[in-house]
Amino acid sequence: MGLLDQMKQAAQARKEAKRLQAEIDKISYTHQNGGITVTAKGDGSITQLKFTDEALAELRAGKTERFETLLKTVLNAAINNVRTQTQQLMQRMMKDGSFPGLR
């Protein structure tokens, strides 16, 4: 493979990486439990965190351990879901031949 072919392949890889990132950016998942709502994006960032008055009442009543456990559970569920969606997307793209050098 000549230098020109390598440069073309590198340019194609960059193009496909940008396309993959654009698809990952579209991934979003919202999980709700016990008055806590969390929305996570495909990049792992949290874009929404909401608490109902009931959930905050746990804190006011001194039940911090229960609140913290619930918060961790909801956060982990949202993050794990987007992680799974992201992995499935990457597997589909590799299977479809979007990343020929990675198969």
N, C-alpha and C. Protein backbone atom coordinates (compact mmCIF):
# COMPACT_ATOMS: atom_id res chain seq x y z
N MET A 1 0.86 -1.18 0.00
CA MET A 1 0.00 0.00 0.00
C MET A 1 0.89 1.23 0.00
N GLY A 2 0.64 2.11 -0.95
CA GLY A 2 1.44 3.32 -1.06
C GLY A 2 1.00 4.39 -0.09
N LEU A 3 1.79 5.43 -0.05
CA LEU A 3 1.51 6.55 0.86
C LEU A 3 0.17 7.20 0.54
N LEU A 4 -0.15 7.35 -0.73
CA LEU A 4 -1.41 7.96 -1.12
C LEU A 4 -2.60 7.12 -0.63
N ASP A 5 -2.48 5.81 -0.76
CA ASP A 5 -3.54 4.91 -0.29
C ASP A 5 -3.70 5.01 1.22
N GLN A 6 -2.59 5.11 1.92
CA GLN A 6 -2.65 5.25 3.38
C GLN A 6 -3.31 6.56 3.78
N MET A 7 -3.01 7.60 3.05
CA MET A 7 -3.62 8.89 3.35
C MET A 7 -5.13 8.86 3.08
N LYS A 8 -5.53 8.21 2.01
CA LYS A 8 -6.96 8.06 1.71
C LYS A 8 -7.65 7.25 2.80
N GLN A 9 -6.99 6.18 3.23
CA GLN A 9 -7.57 5.33 4.27
C GLN A 9 -7.69 6.11 5.58
N ALA A 10 -6.70 6.92 5.91
CA ALA A 10 -6.75 7.73 7.13
C ALA A 10 -7.88 8.76 7.05
N ALA A 11 -8.05 9.35 5.88
CA ALA A 11 -9.13 10.33 5.71
C ALA A 11 -10.49 9.66 5.86
N GLN A 12 -10.62 8.46 5.31
CA GLN A 12 -11.87 7.71 5.43
C GLN A 12 -12.14 7.35 6.89
N ALA A 13 -11.09 6.96 7.60
CA ALA A 13 -11.24 6.60 9.02
C ALA A 13 -11.70 7.81 9.83
N ARG A 14 -11.16 8.99 9.54
CA ARG A 14 -11.58 10.22 10.23
C ARG A 14 -13.04 10.52 9.94
N LYS A 15 -13.43 10.35 8.69
CA LYS A 15 -14.82 10.59 8.30
C LYS A 15 -15.76 9.64 9.04
N GLU A 16 -15.41 8.38 9.11
CA GLU A 16 -16.24 7.40 9.80
C GLU A 16 -16.26 7.65 11.31
N ALA A 17 -15.14 8.10 11.87
CA ALA A 17 -15.11 8.41 13.30
C ALA A 17 -16.04 9.59 13.62
N LYS A 18 -16.07 10.58 12.73
CA LYS A 18 -16.98 11.71 12.93
C LYS A 18 -18.43 11.25 12.83
N ARG A 19 -18.70 10.35 11.90
CA ARG A 19 -20.06 9.84 11.74
C ARG A 19 -20.47 9.04 12.99
N LEU A 20 -19.53 8.24 13.51
CA LEU A 20 -19.81 7.48 14.72
C LEU A 20 -20.09 8.43 15.88
N GLN A 21 -19.29 9.47 16.03
CA GLN A 21 -19.49 10.43 17.13
C GLN A 21 -20.84 11.12 17.01
N ALA A 22 -21.24 11.44 15.78
CA ALA A 22 -22.55 12.08 15.57
C ALA A 22 -23.68 11.15 15.99
N GLU A 23 -23.54 9.86 15.72
CA GLU A 23 -24.54 8.88 16.12
C GLU A 23 -24.56 8.70 17.64
N ILE A 24 -23.39 8.68 18.25
CA ILE A 24 -23.30 8.56 19.71
C ILE A 24 -23.95 9.77 20.38
N ASP A 25 -23.75 10.94 19.79
CA ASP A 25 -24.34 12.17 20.36
C ASP A 25 -25.86 12.13 20.36
N LYS A 26 -26.46 11.32 19.49
CA LYS A 26 -27.92 11.20 19.43
C LYS A 26 -28.48 10.29 20.52
N ILE A 27 -27.63 9.47 21.11
CA ILE A 27 -28.09 8.51 22.12
C ILE A 27 -28.43 9.24 23.41
N SER A 28 -29.59 8.92 23.97
CA SER A 28 -30.04 9.52 25.22
C SER A 28 -30.97 8.52 25.91
N TYR A 29 -30.92 8.50 27.22
CA TYR A 29 -31.80 7.61 27.97
C TYR A 29 -32.17 8.28 29.29
N THR A 30 -33.44 8.20 29.64
CA THR A 30 -33.93 8.76 30.90
C THR A 30 -34.42 7.62 31.77
N HIS A 31 -33.94 7.62 33.01
CA HIS A 31 -34.37 6.60 33.98
C HIS A 31 -34.98 7.32 35.19
N GLN A 32 -36.07 6.75 35.68
CA GLN A 32 -36.78 7.37 36.81
C GLN A 32 -37.11 6.29 37.83
N ASN A 33 -36.91 6.63 39.09
CA ASN A 33 -37.25 5.71 40.18
C ASN A 33 -37.28 6.49 41.49
N GLY A 34 -38.28 6.25 42.28
CA GLY A 34 -38.35 6.84 43.61
C GLY A 34 -38.31 8.35 43.64
N GLY A 35 -38.84 8.98 42.62
CA GLY A 35 -38.86 10.44 42.60
C GLY A 35 -37.60 11.08 42.09
N ILE A 36 -36.69 10.27 41.55
CA ILE A 36 -35.45 10.80 40.98
C ILE A 36 -35.45 10.46 39.49
N THR A 37 -35.16 11.47 38.67
CA THR A 37 -35.09 11.29 37.23
C THR A 37 -33.72 11.72 36.74
N VAL A 38 -33.09 10.86 35.94
CA VAL A 38 -31.77 11.15 35.38
C VAL A 38 -31.81 10.89 33.88
N THR A 39 -31.23 11.81 33.11
CA THR A 39 -31.06 11.62 31.68
C THR A 39 -29.57 11.65 31.38
N ALA A 40 -29.11 10.60 30.69
CA ALA A 40 -27.70 10.50 30.29
C ALA A 40 -27.62 10.47 28.78
N LYS A 41 -26.49 10.97 28.25
CA LYS A 41 -26.25 10.96 26.80
C LYS A 41 -25.21 9.89 26.48
N GLY A 42 -25.08 9.62 25.19
CA GLY A 42 -24.16 8.58 24.72
C GLY A 42 -22.72 8.80 25.11
N ASP A 43 -22.33 10.04 25.33
CA ASP A 43 -20.95 10.31 25.75
C ASP A 43 -20.76 10.12 27.26
N GLY A 44 -21.84 9.71 27.95
CA GLY A 44 -21.76 9.46 29.39
C GLY A 44 -22.10 10.66 30.25
N SER A 45 -22.37 11.79 29.63
CA SER A 45 -22.70 12.97 30.42
C SER A 45 -24.14 12.91 30.91
N ILE A 46 -24.38 13.54 32.04
CA ILE A 46 -25.72 13.64 32.62
C ILE A 46 -26.28 14.99 32.19
N THR A 47 -27.43 14.95 31.51
CA THR A 47 -28.00 16.20 30.99
C THR A 47 -29.20 16.67 31.80
N GLN A 48 -29.73 15.78 32.64
CA GLN A 48 -30.88 16.16 33.46
C GLN A 48 -30.84 15.38 34.77
N LEU A 49 -31.14 16.06 35.84
CA LEU A 49 -31.23 15.46 37.16
C LEU A 49 -32.36 16.18 37.90
N LYS A 50 -33.44 15.44 38.15
CA LYS A 50 -34.61 16.04 38.81
C LYS A 50 -34.99 15.23 40.04
N PHE A 51 -35.50 15.95 41.04
CA PHE A 51 -35.97 15.32 42.27
C PHE A 51 -37.39 15.80 42.57
N THR A 52 -38.25 14.89 42.92
CA THR A 52 -39.59 15.29 43.35
C THR A 52 -39.51 15.71 44.81
N ASP A 53 -40.57 16.34 45.29
CA ASP A 53 -40.62 16.73 46.70
C ASP A 53 -40.54 15.51 47.60
N GLU A 54 -41.12 14.39 47.14
CA GLU A 54 -41.06 13.15 47.93
C GLU A 54 -39.61 12.69 48.12
N ALA A 55 -38.84 12.73 47.05
CA ALA A 55 -37.45 12.30 47.13
C ALA A 55 -36.66 13.22 48.07
N LEU A 56 -36.91 14.51 47.97
CA LEU A 56 -36.20 15.46 48.83
C LEU A 56 -36.65 15.34 50.29
N ALA A 57 -37.88 14.87 50.50
CA ALA A 57 -38.37 14.67 51.85
C ALA A 57 -37.53 13.62 52.58
N GLU A 58 -37.01 12.65 51.83
CA GLU A 58 -36.12 11.63 52.41
C GLU A 58 -34.90 12.31 53.05
N LEU A 59 -34.36 13.27 52.34
CA LEU A 59 -33.20 14.00 52.87
C LEU A 59 -33.57 14.81 54.10
N ARG A 60 -34.68 15.53 53.99
CA ARG A 60 -35.12 16.37 55.11
C ARG A 60 -35.41 15.54 56.35
N ALA A 61 -35.86 14.31 56.13
CA ALA A 61 -36.18 13.42 57.25
C ALA A 61 -34.93 12.73 57.80
N GLY A 62 -33.78 13.03 57.21
CA GLY A 62 -32.55 12.45 57.70
C GLY A 62 -32.26 11.06 57.13
N LYS A 63 -33.00 10.66 56.09
CA LYS A 63 -32.80 9.35 55.48
C LYS A 63 -31.82 9.48 54.29
N THR A 64 -30.65 10.00 54.61
CA THR A 64 -29.68 10.26 53.54
C THR A 64 -29.18 8.98 52.88
N GLU A 65 -29.01 7.93 53.65
CA GLU A 65 -28.49 6.67 53.09
C GLU A 65 -29.44 6.12 52.03
N ARG A 66 -30.74 6.14 52.33
CA ARG A 66 -31.73 5.65 51.36
C ARG A 66 -31.72 6.52 50.10
N PHE A 67 -31.65 7.84 50.27
CA PHE A 67 -31.62 8.76 49.14
C PHE A 67 -30.37 8.52 48.28
N GLU A 68 -29.21 8.39 48.94
CA GLU A 68 -27.97 8.17 48.21
C GLU A 68 -27.99 6.86 47.43
N THR A 69 -28.54 5.81 48.05
CA THR A 69 -28.65 4.52 47.37
C THR A 69 -29.55 4.62 46.15
N LEU A 70 -30.66 5.29 46.31
CA LEU A 70 -31.59 5.47 45.19
C LEU A 70 -30.95 6.30 44.07
N LEU A 71 -30.27 7.36 44.45
CA LEU A 71 -29.61 8.20 43.46
C LEU A 71 -28.56 7.42 42.68
N LYS A 72 -27.73 6.65 43.37
CA LYS A 72 -26.72 5.83 42.69
C LYS A 72 -27.37 4.83 41.74
N THR A 73 -28.47 4.22 42.18
CA THR A 73 -29.16 3.24 41.36
C THR A 73 -29.69 3.86 40.07
N VAL A 74 -30.30 5.03 40.19
CA VAL A 74 -30.87 5.70 39.01
C VAL A 74 -29.75 6.17 38.08
N LEU A 75 -28.71 6.75 38.64
CA LEU A 75 -27.58 7.20 37.82
C LEU A 75 -26.95 6.03 37.07
N ASN A 76 -26.68 4.94 37.78
CA ASN A 76 -26.06 3.78 37.15
C ASN A 76 -26.94 3.18 36.06
N ALA A 77 -28.24 3.14 36.28
CA ALA A 77 -29.15 2.59 35.28
C ALA A 77 -29.10 3.42 34.00
N ALA A 78 -29.12 4.73 34.13
CA ALA A 78 -29.08 5.60 32.95
C ALA A 78 -27.74 5.48 32.22
N ILE A 79 -26.65 5.50 32.96
CA ILE A 79 -25.32 5.42 32.36
C ILE A 79 -25.11 4.05 31.71
N ASN A 80 -25.51 3.00 32.38
CA ASN A 80 -25.35 1.66 31.81
C ASN A 80 -26.16 1.49 30.54
N ASN A 81 -27.35 2.08 30.50
CA ASN A 81 -28.18 1.96 29.31
C ASN A 81 -27.52 2.65 28.11
N VAL A 82 -27.03 3.86 28.29
CA VAL A 82 -26.40 4.55 27.16
C VAL A 82 -25.08 3.87 26.77
N ARG A 83 -24.39 3.30 27.73
CA ARG A 83 -23.16 2.55 27.43
C ARG A 83 -23.50 1.35 26.54
N THR A 84 -24.56 0.63 26.90
CA THR A 84 -24.99 -0.53 26.11
C THR A 84 -25.41 -0.10 24.71
N GLN A 85 -26.18 0.98 24.62
CA GLN A 85 -26.60 1.48 23.31
C GLN A 85 -25.40 1.88 22.45
N THR A 86 -24.41 2.51 23.07
CA THR A 86 -23.21 2.93 22.36
C THR A 86 -22.43 1.72 21.86
N GLN A 87 -22.27 0.71 22.69
CA GLN A 87 -21.56 -0.50 22.28
C GLN A 87 -22.29 -1.19 21.14
N GLN A 88 -23.61 -1.26 21.21
CA GLN A 88 -24.39 -1.89 20.14
C GLN A 88 -24.24 -1.11 18.83
N LEU A 89 -24.23 0.21 18.92
CA LEU A 89 -24.04 1.04 17.73
C LEU A 89 -22.68 0.76 17.10
N MET A 90 -21.65 0.71 17.91
CA MET A 90 -20.30 0.47 17.40
C MET A 90 -20.21 -0.92 16.77
N GLN A 91 -20.82 -1.91 17.39
CA GLN A 91 -20.81 -3.26 16.83
C GLN A 91 -21.53 -3.29 15.48
N ARG A 92 -22.67 -2.62 15.39
CA ARG A 92 -23.41 -2.57 14.12
C ARG A 92 -22.57 -1.91 13.03
N MET A 93 -21.92 -0.80 13.38
CA MET A 93 -21.13 -0.09 12.38
C MET A 93 -19.94 -0.92 11.92
N MET A 94 -19.32 -1.63 12.83
CA MET A 94 -18.19 -2.48 12.45
C MET A 94 -18.67 -3.65 11.60
N LYS A 95 -19.81 -4.22 11.95
CA LYS A 95 -20.38 -5.33 11.20
C LYS A 95 -20.78 -4.88 9.80
N ASP A 96 -21.30 -3.67 9.69
CA ASP A 96 -21.73 -3.12 8.40
C ASP A 96 -20.55 -2.71 7.53
N GLY A 97 -19.36 -2.76 8.08
CA GLY A 97 -18.18 -2.40 7.30
C GLY A 97 -17.81 -0.95 7.37
N SER A 98 -18.38 -0.20 8.30
CA SER A 98 -18.05 1.21 8.41
C SER A 98 -16.59 1.43 8.82
N PHE A 99 -16.05 0.46 9.54
CA PHE A 99 -14.66 0.54 9.97
C PHE A 99 -13.92 -0.70 9.49
N PRO A 100 -13.58 -0.76 8.21
CA PRO A 100 -13.00 -1.97 7.65
C PRO A 100 -11.70 -2.40 8.31
N GLY A 101 -10.93 -1.49 8.82
CA GLY A 101 -9.66 -1.86 9.46
C GLY A 101 -9.82 -2.42 10.86
N LEU A 102 -11.04 -2.36 11.43
CA LEU A 102 -11.24 -2.78 12.81
C LEU A 102 -11.97 -4.11 12.92
N ARG A 103 -12.29 -4.74 11.83
CA ARG A 103 -13.02 -6.01 11.89
C ARG A 103 -12.12 -7.15 12.20
